[in-house]
């Protein structure tokens, strides 16, 4: 990853520890020299990271434990309500710190998790939802994308978009490519 991402991950770990006194699990960032990694369209420039959701009790093994990448242990938001082990308040507080404390381009969460965060957010004084998006495949982790650092040639904050995949839902009069992707 970039120096910017390394610093962000250390900061997120500190915030996570202060919220729960539990480790924050980090998954894929990028290959050492960049380029395509696993089955990601992103994670090629060191500005993307997969981060496990904060939970009440960590499991040691789970649905991805035997795979090479993203060894996250639980999926959340696939049912009508969030699973009990998902700590909604702690995850919201961590995402709030990330949105306000880092140079964030976007954060992708699972579709069911997005709904729960949106409901929780509606009770807060200020919203963090401008930077948070719903996308299938993020039920066991959230995907953090940092903005391109200033002065880096050929870095675009839009380079990763796949126009061949239409969106199925709109949110609050958003354009089709904004809030929901593949939900």
Protein backbone atom coordinates (compact mmCIF):
# COMPACT_ATOMS: atom_id res chain seq x y z
CA UNK A 1 0.00 0.00 0.00
CA UNK A 2 0.91 3.62 -0.13
CA UNK A 3 2.33 5.53 2.83
CA UNK A 4 -1.06 7.23 3.01
CA UNK A 5 -2.80 3.82 3.39
CA UNK A 6 -0.24 2.50 5.89
CA UNK A 7 -0.78 5.57 8.06
CA UNK A 8 -4.55 5.21 7.70
CA UNK A 9 -4.47 1.54 8.76
CA UNK A 10 -2.40 2.33 11.86
CA UNK A 11 -4.80 5.14 12.75
CA UNK A 12 -7.85 2.91 12.22
CA UNK A 13 -6.30 0.24 14.43
CA UNK A 14 -5.81 2.79 17.20
CA UNK A 15 -9.40 4.00 16.84
CA UNK A 16 -10.72 0.44 16.81
CA UNK A 17 -8.81 -0.43 19.95
CA UNK A 18 -10.11 2.69 21.72
CA UNK A 19 -13.69 1.74 20.80
CA UNK A 20 -13.64 -1.96 21.72
CA UNK A 21 -10.20 -2.97 22.97
CA UNK A 22 -10.24 -5.61 20.21
CA UNK A 23 -8.01 -5.88 17.13
CA UNK A 24 -9.13 -4.46 13.79
CA UNK A 25 -8.58 -7.10 11.12
CA UNK A 26 -7.20 -5.89 7.80
CA UNK A 27 -7.58 -7.87 4.57
CA UNK A 28 -6.41 -7.08 1.07
CA UNK A 29 -4.65 -3.79 0.34
CA UNK A 30 -2.62 -4.34 -2.85
CA UNK A 31 0.27 -6.28 -4.32
CA UNK A 32 3.73 -5.04 -3.43
CA UNK A 33 4.29 -3.55 -6.90
CA UNK A 34 0.60 -2.87 -7.68
CA UNK A 35 -1.54 -4.58 -10.30
CA UNK A 36 -4.48 -6.97 -10.18
CA UNK A 37 -4.96 -8.86 -6.92
CA UNK A 38 -7.24 -11.86 -6.31
CA UNK A 39 -10.66 -11.18 -7.82
CA UNK A 40 -10.69 -7.44 -7.19
CA UNK A 41 -11.28 -4.72 -9.76
CA UNK A 42 -9.60 -2.39 -7.28
CA UNK A 43 -6.75 -2.82 -4.77
CA UNK A 44 -4.23 -2.04 -7.49
CA UNK A 45 -2.73 1.26 -6.36
CA UNK A 46 -2.46 0.97 -2.60
CA UNK A 47 -5.42 3.26 -1.93
CA UNK A 48 -7.96 0.52 -1.12
CA UNK A 49 -8.18 -1.73 1.94
CA UNK A 50 -10.63 -4.34 3.18
CA UNK A 51 -11.32 -4.04 6.90
CA UNK A 52 -13.37 -6.46 9.03
CA UNK A 53 -16.40 -5.12 10.85
CA UNK A 54 -16.13 -4.67 14.59
CA UNK A 55 -17.88 -7.43 16.52
CA UNK A 56 -18.72 -8.22 20.12
CA UNK A 57 -16.81 -11.54 20.08
CA UNK A 58 -14.20 -12.53 17.47
CA UNK A 59 -14.44 -15.98 15.95
CA UNK A 60 -11.23 -17.76 15.03
CA UNK A 61 -12.54 -19.50 11.92
CA UNK A 62 -15.25 -18.68 9.48
CA UNK A 63 -16.52 -18.76 5.94
CA UNK A 64 -13.25 -17.43 4.45
CA UNK A 65 -10.73 -18.93 6.86
CA UNK A 66 -9.36 -21.37 4.29
CA UNK A 67 -8.95 -18.87 1.47
CA UNK A 68 -5.81 -16.96 0.55
CA UNK A 69 -7.18 -13.46 1.00
CA UNK A 70 -9.62 -11.69 3.30
CA UNK A 71 -9.72 -14.20 6.13
CA UNK A 72 -12.79 -12.60 7.68
CA UNK A 73 -14.90 -14.85 9.86
CA UNK A 74 -18.54 -13.74 9.69
CA UNK A 75 -21.05 -12.28 7.28
CA UNK A 76 -23.54 -9.65 8.40
CA UNK A 77 -26.62 -7.97 6.98
CA UNK A 78 -27.79 -10.91 4.89
CA UNK A 79 -30.99 -11.33 6.95
CA UNK A 80 -33.88 -9.02 7.75
CA UNK A 81 -31.97 -7.66 10.77
CA UNK A 82 -28.28 -7.55 11.64
CA UNK A 83 -26.78 -10.51 13.45
CA UNK A 84 -26.24 -10.07 17.20
CA UNK A 85 -22.43 -10.21 16.99
CA UNK A 86 -22.31 -7.12 14.72
CA UNK A 87 -21.62 -4.07 16.89
CA UNK A 88 -23.61 -1.37 15.08
CA UNK A 89 -22.65 1.46 17.43
CA UNK A 90 -18.92 0.63 17.38
CA UNK A 91 -18.91 0.23 13.58
CA UNK A 92 -20.74 3.51 13.13
CA UNK A 93 -18.31 5.27 15.50
CA UNK A 94 -15.31 3.80 13.66
CA UNK A 95 -16.72 4.81 10.27
CA UNK A 96 -17.43 8.29 11.64
CA UNK A 97 -13.80 8.63 12.76
CA UNK A 98 -12.62 7.40 9.36
CA UNK A 99 -14.88 9.77 7.41
CA UNK A 100 -13.94 12.79 9.51
CA UNK A 101 -10.29 11.93 10.19
CA UNK A 102 -8.95 10.58 6.90
CA UNK A 103 -8.95 11.72 3.27
CA UNK A 104 -11.68 9.26 2.26
CA UNK A 105 -13.02 8.92 -1.24
CA UNK A 106 -15.60 6.24 -0.39
CA UNK A 107 -16.47 3.36 1.91
CA UNK A 108 -18.41 0.32 0.66
CA UNK A 109 -20.52 -1.79 3.02
CA UNK A 110 -22.92 -4.68 2.52
CA UNK A 111 -26.44 -3.79 1.44
CA UNK A 112 -28.11 -4.83 4.71
CA UNK A 113 -25.42 -3.11 6.73
CA UNK A 114 -25.95 0.08 4.74
CA UNK A 115 -29.62 0.10 5.74
CA UNK A 116 -28.78 -0.34 9.43
CA UNK A 117 -26.11 2.39 9.28
CA UNK A 118 -28.49 4.73 7.48
CA UNK A 119 -31.17 4.21 10.16
CA UNK A 120 -28.61 4.77 12.95
CA UNK A 121 -27.24 7.82 11.12
CA UNK A 122 -30.70 9.44 10.95
CA UNK A 123 -30.61 9.80 14.76
CA UNK A 124 -27.23 11.59 14.76
CA UNK A 125 -26.59 15.35 14.69
CA UNK A 126 -24.47 15.15 11.54
CA UNK A 127 -24.48 12.49 8.84
CA UNK A 128 -21.56 10.40 7.62
CA UNK A 129 -23.52 8.74 4.82
CA UNK A 130 -22.20 10.97 2.01
CA UNK A 131 -19.08 8.78 1.87
CA UNK A 132 -20.73 5.39 2.47
CA UNK A 133 -22.12 3.21 -0.32
CA UNK A 134 -23.91 -0.14 -0.46
CA UNK A 135 -22.37 -2.90 -2.56
CA UNK A 136 -22.81 -6.67 -2.61
CA UNK A 137 -19.78 -8.61 -1.47
CA UNK A 138 -19.14 -6.42 1.57
CA UNK A 139 -21.09 -8.44 4.13
CA UNK A 140 -17.95 -9.55 6.01
CA UNK A 141 -15.84 -6.39 5.66
CA UNK A 142 -16.01 -2.79 4.56
CA UNK A 143 -13.92 -1.49 1.70
CA UNK A 144 -12.08 1.77 2.32
CA UNK A 145 -10.90 3.83 -0.63
CA UNK A 146 -8.70 6.83 0.09
CA UNK A 147 -8.55 9.82 -2.24
CA UNK A 148 -5.62 10.13 -4.59
CA UNK A 149 -2.73 11.91 -2.90
CA UNK A 150 -1.94 15.37 -4.22
CA UNK A 151 0.82 15.50 -6.79
CA UNK A 152 0.57 11.88 -7.95
CA UNK A 153 0.42 11.75 -11.76
CA UNK A 154 -2.00 9.33 -13.45
CA UNK A 155 -4.02 8.85 -10.25
CA UNK A 156 -7.74 9.26 -10.71
CA UNK A 157 -10.46 8.86 -8.10
CA UNK A 158 -12.73 7.42 -10.81
CA UNK A 159 -10.38 4.94 -12.57
CA UNK A 160 -11.98 1.81 -11.09
CA UNK A 161 -15.63 2.25 -12.13
CA UNK A 162 -17.11 -0.56 -14.21
CA UNK A 163 -19.81 0.97 -16.44
CA UNK A 164 -20.94 -2.47 -17.64
CA UNK A 165 -22.64 -3.19 -14.30
CA UNK A 166 -25.88 -1.25 -13.95
CA UNK A 167 -27.27 -0.43 -10.54
CA UNK A 168 -30.51 -1.93 -9.38
CA UNK A 169 -31.58 0.58 -6.72
CA UNK A 170 -31.56 4.31 -6.28
CA UNK A 171 -31.39 6.12 -2.98
CA UNK A 172 -32.84 9.53 -2.12
CA UNK A 173 -32.89 10.72 -5.73
CA UNK A 174 -29.24 9.79 -6.20
CA UNK A 175 -27.98 9.17 -9.66
CA UNK A 176 -27.93 5.43 -10.45
CA UNK A 177 -24.16 5.10 -9.89
CA UNK A 178 -24.02 6.73 -6.49
CA UNK A 179 -25.39 4.99 -3.42
CA UNK A 180 -26.32 1.46 -4.40
CA UNK A 181 -24.25 -0.86 -6.56
CA UNK A 182 -25.38 -4.43 -7.24
CA UNK A 183 -27.85 -4.57 -4.31
